[in-house]
Amino acid sequence: MTTVILVIHVILAICIIIAVLLQKSEGGGLGIGGSGGAGGGFMTARGTANFMTKLTAFLGGCFFLTSIILALLSSNNAPSIANEVNKEIEKSTTTKPAVPLDN
């Protein structure tokens, strides 16, 4: 289960990197499409920017969700540090004194 979510998490990270790198500064998007023409406004600069912004937001939300799921799954498997310290304290304390008191 953890491995599957971790693979999805890595794929989402790569997709976010690609989506961010494809965006042009100042909302240019992919920079394809031109002004109208044969595309009919399908991939205009504004349409591309809106699509890329929404895609990046969606991928970021999914990445955030998988991060939370992985954190919850890892906390269930690993023992707490406080519990480990308490176990070590219990092991180190002895019931008998180290030096005999009655001579």
C-alpha atoms as a PDB file:
ATOM      1  CA  MET A   1       0.000   0.000   0.000  1.00  0.00           C
ATOM      2  CA  THR A   2       2.728   2.428   0.977  1.00  0.00           C
ATOM      3  CA  THR A   3       4.779   1.524  -2.083  1.00  0.00           C
ATOM      4  CA  VAL A   4       1.877   2.209  -4.453  1.00  0.00           C
ATOM      5  CA  ILE A   5       1.180   5.601  -2.900  1.00  0.00           C
ATOM      6  CA  LEU A   6       4.893   6.419  -2.927  1.00  0.00           C
ATOM      7  CA  VAL A   7       5.099   5.638  -6.660  1.00  0.00           C
ATOM      8  CA  ILE A   8       2.054   7.855  -7.299  1.00  0.00           C
ATOM      9  CA  HIS A   9       3.692  10.557  -5.172  1.00  0.00           C
ATOM     10  CA  VAL A  10       6.882  10.484  -7.253  1.00  0.00           C
ATOM     11  CA  ILE A  11       4.917  10.539 -10.521  1.00  0.00           C
ATOM     12  CA  LEU A  12       2.947  13.546  -9.270  1.00  0.00           C
ATOM     13  CA  ALA A  13       6.177  15.315  -8.343  1.00  0.00           C
ATOM     14  CA  ILE A  14       7.559  14.789 -11.851  1.00  0.00           C
ATOM     15  CA  CYS A  15       4.281  15.974 -13.413  1.00  0.00           C
ATOM     16  CA  ILE A  16       4.303  19.128 -11.268  1.00  0.00           C
ATOM     17  CA  ILE A  17       7.862  19.893 -12.358  1.00  0.00           C
ATOM     18  CA  ILE A  18       6.924  19.453 -16.014  1.00  0.00           C
ATOM     19  CA  ALA A  19       3.749  21.539 -15.649  1.00  0.00           C
ATOM     20  CA  VAL A  20       5.623  24.390 -13.993  1.00  0.00           C
ATOM     21  CA  LEU A  21       8.418  24.332 -16.555  1.00  0.00           C
ATOM     22  CA  LEU A  22       5.937  24.407 -19.438  1.00  0.00           C
ATOM     23  CA  GLN A  23       4.351  27.590 -18.141  1.00  0.00           C
ATOM     24  CA  LYS A  24       5.605  30.852 -19.485  1.00  0.00           C
ATOM     25  CA  SER A  25       6.079  33.790 -17.181  1.00  0.00           C
ATOM     26  CA  GLU A  26       3.334  36.434 -17.190  1.00  0.00           C
ATOM     27  CA  GLY A  27       0.677  33.843 -18.069  1.00  0.00           C
ATOM     28  CA  GLY A  28       1.963  32.985 -21.536  1.00  0.00           C
ATOM     29  CA  GLY A  29       1.328  29.276 -21.037  1.00  0.00           C
ATOM     30  CA  LEU A  30       2.858  27.052 -23.663  1.00  0.00           C
ATOM     31  CA  GLY A  31       3.168  29.974 -26.015  1.00  0.00           C
ATOM     32  CA  ILE A  32       1.389  28.157 -28.826  1.00  0.00           C
ATOM     33  CA  GLY A  33      -1.811  28.951 -30.600  1.00  0.00           C
ATOM     34  CA  GLY A  34      -1.288  32.494 -31.747  1.00  0.00           C
ATOM     35  CA  SER A  35      -4.218  34.878 -32.160  1.00  0.00           C
ATOM     36  CA  GLY A  36      -7.271  32.971 -33.295  1.00  0.00           C
ATOM     37  CA  GLY A  37      -6.655  31.447 -36.706  1.00  0.00           C
ATOM     38  CA  ALA A  38      -7.419  27.846 -37.510  1.00  0.00           C
ATOM     39  CA  GLY A  39      -7.465  26.766 -33.867  1.00  0.00           C
ATOM     40  CA  GLY A  40     -10.511  28.901 -33.158  1.00  0.00           C
ATOM     41  CA  GLY A  41      -9.171  29.929 -29.790  1.00  0.00           C
ATOM     42  CA  PHE A  42      -8.667  26.373 -28.561  1.00  0.00           C
ATOM     43  CA  MET A  43      -5.067  26.837 -27.451  1.00  0.00           C
ATOM     44  CA  THR A  44      -4.764  30.569 -27.251  1.00  0.00           C
ATOM     45  CA  ALA A  45      -2.301  32.089 -24.820  1.00  0.00           C
ATOM     46  CA  ARG A  46      -5.016  32.851 -22.313  1.00  0.00           C
ATOM     47  CA  GLY A  47      -6.696  29.449 -22.634  1.00  0.00           C
ATOM     48  CA  THR A  48      -3.379  27.675 -22.253  1.00  0.00           C
ATOM     49  CA  ALA A  49      -2.479  29.709 -19.191  1.00  0.00           C
ATOM     50  CA  ASN A  50      -5.819  28.940 -17.556  1.00  0.00           C
ATOM     51  CA  PHE A  51      -5.464  25.240 -18.350  1.00  0.00           C
ATOM     52  CA  MET A  52      -1.900  25.064 -17.067  1.00  0.00           C
ATOM     53  CA  THR A  53      -2.824  26.973 -13.901  1.00  0.00           C
ATOM     54  CA  LYS A  54      -5.700  24.614 -13.182  1.00  0.00           C
ATOM     55  CA  LEU A  55      -3.567  21.576 -13.996  1.00  0.00           C
ATOM     56  CA  THR A  56      -0.789  22.748 -11.682  1.00  0.00           C
ATOM     57  CA  ALA A  57      -3.288  23.420  -8.884  1.00  0.00           C
ATOM     58  CA  PHE A  58      -4.852  19.978  -9.329  1.00  0.00           C
ATOM     59  CA  LEU A  59      -1.472  18.241  -9.337  1.00  0.00           C
ATOM     60  CA  GLY A  60      -0.406  20.235  -6.275  1.00  0.00           C
ATOM     61  CA  GLY A  61      -3.551  19.223  -4.413  1.00  0.00           C
ATOM     62  CA  CYS A  62      -3.010  15.559  -5.268  1.00  0.00           C
ATOM     63  CA  PHE A  63       0.631  15.826  -4.184  1.00  0.00           C
ATOM     64  CA  PHE A  64      -0.445  17.370  -0.879  1.00  0.00           C
ATOM     65  CA  LEU A  65      -2.995  14.584  -0.360  1.00  0.00           C
ATOM     66  CA  THR A  66      -0.476  11.819  -1.035  1.00  0.00           C
ATOM     67  CA  SER A  67       1.971  13.542   1.330  1.00  0.00           C
ATOM     68  CA  ILE A  68      -0.585  13.439   4.140  1.00  0.00           C
ATOM     69  CA  ILE A  69      -1.470   9.804   3.407  1.00  0.00           C
ATOM     70  CA  LEU A  70       2.199   8.786   3.426  1.00  0.00           C
ATOM     71  CA  ALA A  71       2.752  10.622   6.718  1.00  0.00           C
ATOM     72  CA  LEU A  72      -0.200   8.852   8.318  1.00  0.00           C
ATOM     73  CA  LEU A  73       0.895   5.453   7.040  1.00  0.00           C
ATOM     74  CA  SER A  74       4.446   5.912   8.259  1.00  0.00           C
ATOM     75  CA  SER A  75       3.320   7.036  11.710  1.00  0.00           C
ATOM     76  CA  ASN A  76       1.306   3.834  12.157  1.00  0.00           C
ATOM     77  CA  ASN A  77       4.283   1.585  11.410  1.00  0.00           C
ATOM     78  CA  ALA A  78       7.019   3.358  13.355  1.00  0.00           C
ATOM     79  CA  PRO A  79       7.024   3.336  17.141  1.00  0.00           C
ATOM     80  CA  SER A  80       6.986   6.662  18.922  1.00  0.00           C
ATOM     81  CA  ILE A  81      10.263   8.028  20.261  1.00  0.00           C
ATOM     82  CA  ALA A  82       8.601   8.732  23.610  1.00  0.00           C
ATOM     83  CA  ASN A  83       7.573   5.075  23.897  1.00  0.00           C
ATOM     84  CA  GLU A  84      11.104   3.939  23.113  1.00  0.00           C
ATOM     85  CA  VAL A  85      12.567   6.264  25.763  1.00  0.00           C
ATOM     86  CA  ASN A  86      10.101   4.981  28.364  1.00  0.00           C
ATOM     87  CA  LYS A  87      11.049   1.379  27.542  1.00  0.00           C
ATOM     88  CA  GLU A  88      14.741   2.157  27.946  1.00  0.00           C
ATOM     89  CA  ILE A  89      14.106   3.896  31.292  1.00  0.00           C
ATOM     90  CA  GLU A  90      12.152   0.893  32.531  1.00  0.00           C
ATOM     91  CA  LYS A  91      14.954  -1.457  31.461  1.00  0.00           C
ATOM     92  CA  SER A  92      17.669   0.623  33.113  1.00  0.00           C
ATOM     93  CA  THR A  93      15.933   0.981  36.494  1.00  0.00           C
ATOM     94  CA  THR A  94      16.615  -1.897  38.830  1.00  0.00           C
ATOM     95  CA  THR A  95      14.529  -2.997  41.789  1.00  0.00           C
ATOM     96  CA  LYS A  96      17.553  -3.895  43.931  1.00  0.00           C
ATOM     97  CA  PRO A  97      20.075  -1.240  44.925  1.00  0.00           C
ATOM     98  CA  ALA A  98      23.479  -1.672  43.359  1.00  0.00           C
ATOM     99  CA  VAL A  99      25.243  -1.403  46.736  1.00  0.00           C
ATOM    100  CA  PRO A 100      24.035  -3.600  49.633  1.00  0.00           C
ATOM    101  CA  LEU A 101      22.674  -1.448  52.445  1.00  0.00           C
ATOM    102  CA  ASP A 102      22.759  -3.965  55.317  1.00  0.00           C
ATOM    103  CA  ASN A 103      26.299  -4.708  56.481  1.00  0.00           C
END
